[in-house]
């Protein structure tokens, strides 16, 4: 495969259907490895679709490299994201993408806990919110939201619950695998009827705890001091639900309704 490199902070290696974007001191060998290995995975699964890969190497070589790969599988956006040591992170991401495609094609649910993706939960000092992602929220059922969460390799997913009209999240948890937290309502979703037990139809545990009403600063302080990986809260100013989560570098991102 032919690849071209740009000597900038963000660089791209492009094939007709595959582009790799890098940030930081990513070795060219990692870019070549990503192009070739992901190309092999897509051919093995008979997927003639574009792929977009992002490799981020921190300045501290002792910190893990983050690799994210995005494709569309039968018109469904599909993503994996993992970390690993330099020289290995790309391989971990390719293996996870291969398993993700196989699992979604056979309607299998994600295993939980996920040893390849330990939660980023730890007590720290107050970290800054360095990014705000404005998203047009899915309006649907918890099972539909869980299907998106699974395909996109998220640990939690913000959506609008069609039954109540409230903002809500689904997230991975024990023992059922998927839990639901709405802004106010604690009604239990009706179980799926005559469907195989997949991620799309797993039993959903409803969290009865009230969703706190906070400012973003208060939410960031709560998340860090409590050692949480993410926090769902109602924004004090807008009244909408927001999802705050910890990034791999320890800083925070807020997902807000567009």
Protein backbone atom coordinates (compact mmCIF):
# COMPACT_ATOMS: atom_id res chain seq x y z
CA UNK A 1 0.00 0.00 0.00
CA UNK A 2 1.22 3.46 -0.79
CA UNK A 3 1.34 5.93 2.09
CA UNK A 4 2.18 9.63 2.34
CA UNK A 5 3.35 11.49 5.43
CA UNK A 6 3.07 15.15 6.44
CA UNK A 7 5.61 16.60 8.86
CA UNK A 8 3.03 18.25 11.13
CA UNK A 9 1.58 17.52 14.54
CA UNK A 10 -1.26 15.67 12.85
CA UNK A 11 -0.19 13.51 9.94
CA UNK A 12 -2.09 11.24 7.60
CA UNK A 13 -1.19 8.04 5.85
CA UNK A 14 -3.81 7.39 3.21
CA UNK A 15 -4.88 4.49 1.06
CA UNK A 16 -8.02 4.64 -1.09
CA UNK A 17 -10.09 3.31 1.81
CA UNK A 18 -7.90 3.70 4.89
CA UNK A 19 -6.40 6.77 6.57
CA UNK A 20 -4.23 6.92 9.67
CA UNK A 21 -3.96 10.15 11.63
CA UNK A 22 -1.21 10.51 14.21
CA UNK A 23 -0.51 12.90 17.02
CA UNK A 24 2.79 13.09 18.84
CA UNK A 25 5.93 11.06 18.16
CA UNK A 26 4.30 8.05 16.52
CA UNK A 27 6.91 5.88 14.78
CA UNK A 28 6.33 5.50 11.02
CA UNK A 29 6.46 1.73 11.55
CA UNK A 30 3.28 1.97 13.65
CA UNK A 31 1.50 3.78 10.83
CA UNK A 32 2.57 1.17 8.30
CA UNK A 33 1.56 -1.62 10.69
CA UNK A 34 -1.90 -0.08 11.16
CA UNK A 35 -2.50 0.30 7.41
CA UNK A 36 -1.46 -3.24 6.59
CA UNK A 37 -3.03 -5.04 9.55
CA UNK A 38 -6.40 -3.29 9.45
CA UNK A 39 -6.52 -3.80 5.69
CA UNK A 40 -6.05 -7.53 6.28
CA UNK A 41 -8.83 -7.60 8.89
CA UNK A 42 -11.30 -5.87 6.58
CA UNK A 43 -10.48 -8.20 3.68
CA UNK A 44 -10.83 -11.26 5.90
CA UNK A 45 -14.33 -10.13 6.89
CA UNK A 46 -15.17 -9.18 3.29
CA UNK A 47 -15.75 -5.55 4.25
CA UNK A 48 -15.07 -3.06 1.47
CA UNK A 49 -15.51 0.02 3.66
CA UNK A 50 -13.43 3.07 4.58
CA UNK A 51 -11.47 2.93 7.83
CA UNK A 52 -10.20 5.85 9.88
CA UNK A 53 -7.51 5.25 12.48
CA UNK A 54 -6.06 7.68 15.02
CA UNK A 55 -2.84 6.99 16.92
CA UNK A 56 -1.88 9.32 19.78
CA UNK A 57 1.52 9.03 21.44
CA UNK A 58 2.06 11.08 24.63
CA UNK A 59 5.25 13.04 25.21
CA UNK A 60 6.07 10.78 28.16
CA UNK A 61 7.25 7.50 26.64
CA UNK A 62 6.24 5.67 29.82
CA UNK A 63 2.58 6.59 29.21
CA UNK A 64 0.45 4.38 26.93
CA UNK A 65 -0.29 5.08 23.28
CA UNK A 66 -4.01 5.45 22.43
CA UNK A 67 -5.34 3.90 19.22
CA UNK A 68 -8.85 4.37 17.85
CA UNK A 69 -10.22 2.71 14.71
CA UNK A 70 -13.54 3.60 13.05
CA UNK A 71 -15.40 1.79 10.28
CA UNK A 72 -19.00 1.41 9.08
CA UNK A 73 -20.19 -2.16 9.35
CA UNK A 74 -23.28 -2.70 7.21
CA UNK A 75 -24.04 1.04 7.54
CA UNK A 76 -23.62 0.89 11.33
CA UNK A 77 -20.82 3.09 12.76
CA UNK A 78 -18.39 0.79 14.57
CA UNK A 79 -15.37 1.75 16.64
CA UNK A 80 -12.71 0.35 18.94
CA UNK A 81 -10.36 2.24 21.24
CA UNK A 82 -7.54 0.77 23.32
CA UNK A 83 -4.25 1.72 24.91
CA UNK A 84 -0.92 -0.06 25.03
CA UNK A 85 2.83 0.40 25.11
CA UNK A 86 4.49 1.95 22.09
CA UNK A 87 4.99 -0.69 19.46
CA UNK A 88 2.11 -2.81 20.80
CA UNK A 89 -0.92 -0.50 20.96
CA UNK A 90 -1.64 -0.76 17.23
CA UNK A 91 -1.54 -4.56 17.43
CA UNK A 92 -3.96 -4.50 20.39
CA UNK A 93 -6.35 -2.26 18.44
CA UNK A 94 -6.26 -4.45 15.34
CA UNK A 95 -6.99 -7.56 17.41
CA UNK A 96 -9.87 -5.81 19.17
CA UNK A 97 -11.33 -4.62 15.86
CA UNK A 98 -11.17 -8.18 14.52
CA UNK A 99 -13.01 -9.49 17.58
CA UNK A 100 -15.51 -6.62 17.47
CA UNK A 101 -16.46 -7.34 13.86
CA UNK A 102 -16.79 -11.07 14.55
CA UNK A 103 -18.89 -10.49 17.66
CA UNK A 104 -21.26 -7.96 16.13
CA UNK A 105 -21.74 -10.10 13.01
CA UNK A 106 -22.84 -13.03 15.20
CA UNK A 107 -25.00 -10.90 17.56
CA UNK A 108 -22.89 -11.73 20.59
CA UNK A 109 -22.79 -9.39 23.59
CA UNK A 110 -19.65 -7.80 24.95
CA UNK A 111 -18.07 -9.59 27.90
CA UNK A 112 -17.97 -7.64 31.13
CA UNK A 113 -15.78 -6.85 32.97
CA UNK A 114 -13.52 -6.23 29.97
CA UNK A 115 -9.89 -7.07 30.83
CA UNK A 116 -8.66 -5.18 27.77
CA UNK A 117 -10.38 -1.98 28.91
CA UNK A 118 -10.08 -1.51 32.68
CA UNK A 119 -12.16 1.45 33.89
CA UNK A 120 -10.35 4.76 34.34
CA UNK A 121 -11.59 5.07 37.91
CA UNK A 122 -9.20 6.55 40.44
CA UNK A 123 -9.15 9.31 43.03
CA UNK A 124 -7.23 12.34 41.78
CA UNK A 125 -7.01 16.05 42.29
CA UNK A 126 -9.55 18.13 40.35
CA UNK A 127 -8.71 17.77 36.65
CA UNK A 128 -9.76 20.25 33.94
CA UNK A 129 -12.51 19.74 31.38
CA UNK A 130 -10.44 20.02 28.20
CA UNK A 131 -13.12 19.13 25.65
CA UNK A 132 -16.88 19.53 25.23
CA UNK A 133 -18.53 17.28 22.66
CA UNK A 134 -21.89 18.59 21.49
CA UNK A 135 -23.90 15.65 20.17
CA UNK A 136 -27.30 15.21 18.59
CA UNK A 137 -28.68 12.61 20.98
CA UNK A 138 -30.34 9.39 19.91
CA UNK A 139 -33.99 9.28 21.01
CA UNK A 140 -34.76 5.63 21.60
CA UNK A 141 -35.04 2.74 24.02
CA UNK A 142 -32.34 1.66 26.47
CA UNK A 143 -31.71 -1.43 24.33
CA UNK A 144 -31.19 0.70 21.23
CA UNK A 145 -28.80 2.91 23.18
CA UNK A 146 -26.95 -0.16 24.47
CA UNK A 147 -26.52 -1.40 20.90
CA UNK A 148 -24.86 1.89 19.93
CA UNK A 149 -22.70 1.83 23.07
CA UNK A 150 -21.56 -1.68 22.22
CA UNK A 151 -20.80 -1.04 18.54
CA UNK A 152 -18.88 2.15 19.36
CA UNK A 153 -16.90 0.55 22.19
CA UNK A 154 -18.08 3.13 24.72
CA UNK A 155 -18.23 2.50 28.46
CA UNK A 156 -21.26 4.82 28.81
CA UNK A 157 -23.60 6.44 26.29
CA UNK A 158 -25.79 9.55 26.61
CA UNK A 159 -29.20 9.48 24.88
CA UNK A 160 -32.80 10.66 25.28
CA UNK A 161 -35.12 7.99 26.64
CA UNK A 162 -38.12 7.69 24.30
CA UNK A 163 -40.44 6.40 27.03
CA UNK A 164 -39.96 9.30 29.44
CA UNK A 165 -38.48 12.08 27.30
CA UNK A 166 -35.64 12.43 29.81
CA UNK A 167 -31.94 12.45 29.08
CA UNK A 168 -30.35 9.23 30.30
CA UNK A 169 -27.29 7.03 30.03
CA UNK A 170 -26.67 3.34 29.61
CA UNK A 171 -23.40 1.92 30.87
CA UNK A 172 -21.63 -1.38 31.46
CA UNK A 173 -21.87 -2.78 34.97
CA UNK A 174 -22.24 -5.98 36.97
CA UNK A 175 -24.15 -8.24 37.24
CA UNK A 176 -26.43 -7.89 34.19
CA UNK A 177 -23.91 -6.12 31.99
CA UNK A 178 -26.00 -3.03 31.17
CA UNK A 179 -27.47 -0.42 33.53
CA UNK A 180 -29.70 2.60 32.92
CA UNK A 181 -29.75 5.93 34.73
CA UNK A 182 -32.37 8.55 33.86
CA UNK A 183 -32.56 12.12 35.12
CA UNK A 184 -35.60 11.39 37.31
CA UNK A 185 -37.74 8.37 36.37
CA UNK A 186 -36.92 4.96 37.80
CA UNK A 187 -39.45 2.85 35.89
CA UNK A 188 -38.12 -0.45 34.60
CA UNK A 189 -38.08 -0.93 30.80
CA UNK A 190 -40.28 -3.73 29.46
CA UNK A 191 -38.23 -6.86 28.67
CA UNK A 192 -37.75 -7.71 24.99
CA UNK A 193 -40.14 -10.36 23.65
CA UNK A 194 -39.14 -13.35 21.50
CA UNK A 195 -35.60 -12.11 20.87
CA UNK A 196 -32.27 -13.88 21.35
CA UNK A 197 -30.30 -12.54 24.32
CA UNK A 198 -27.84 -10.13 22.69
CA UNK A 199 -26.46 -6.73 23.58
CA UNK A 200 -29.57 -5.32 21.87
CA UNK A 201 -31.84 -7.14 24.32
CA UNK A 202 -29.89 -7.71 27.53
CA UNK A 203 -31.78 -7.18 30.79
CA UNK A 204 -31.29 -3.57 31.84
CA UNK A 205 -30.81 -2.73 35.51
CA UNK A 206 -32.36 0.64 36.41
CA UNK A 207 -30.39 2.70 38.90
CA UNK A 208 -32.76 4.19 41.50
CA UNK A 209 -30.30 6.84 42.67
CA UNK A 210 -31.36 10.40 41.85
CA UNK A 211 -29.25 12.15 39.23
CA UNK A 212 -27.51 15.10 40.89
CA UNK A 213 -28.07 18.64 39.62
CA UNK A 214 -24.65 20.27 39.34
CA UNK A 215 -22.54 22.79 37.49
CA UNK A 216 -19.78 21.38 35.29
CA UNK A 217 -17.17 22.51 37.83
CA UNK A 218 -19.02 20.76 40.65
CA UNK A 219 -19.37 17.61 38.53
CA UNK A 220 -15.64 17.59 37.75
CA UNK A 221 -14.78 17.93 41.43
CA UNK A 222 -17.24 15.13 42.36
CA UNK A 223 -15.89 12.77 39.69
CA UNK A 224 -12.23 13.27 40.62
CA UNK A 225 -12.64 13.19 44.41
CA UNK A 226 -14.91 10.14 44.25
CA UNK A 227 -12.59 8.22 41.94
CA UNK A 228 -15.21 7.75 39.21
CA UNK A 229 -14.59 6.92 35.55
CA UNK A 230 -17.66 8.95 34.51
CA UNK A 231 -20.54 10.92 36.02
CA UNK A 232 -24.05 11.53 34.68
CA UNK A 233 -25.69 14.69 35.99
CA UNK A 234 -28.34 17.29 35.26
CA UNK A 235 -26.83 20.62 34.29
CA UNK A 236 -27.87 23.32 36.75
CA UNK A 237 -28.18 25.98 34.03
CA UNK A 238 -29.79 24.12 31.11
CA UNK A 239 -31.69 21.33 32.87
CA UNK A 240 -30.31 18.82 30.34
CA UNK A 241 -28.43 15.66 31.13
CA UNK A 242 -24.66 15.66 30.64
CA UNK A 243 -22.03 12.95 30.72
CA UNK A 244 -18.61 13.76 32.13
CA UNK A 245 -15.87 11.18 31.70
CA UNK A 246 -12.17 10.75 32.34
CA UNK A 247 -9.82 10.61 29.37
CA UNK A 248 -6.78 8.35 29.12
CA UNK A 249 -4.54 11.32 29.95
CA UNK A 250 -6.50 11.92 33.16
CA UNK A 251 -8.24 15.12 32.01
CA UNK A 252 -12.00 15.28 31.45
CA UNK A 253 -14.44 15.48 28.54
CA UNK A 254 -18.07 16.61 28.80
CA UNK A 255 -20.67 15.18 26.40
CA UNK A 256 -23.56 17.66 26.07
CA UNK A 257 -26.78 17.63 24.01
CA UNK A 258 -26.48 19.77 20.88
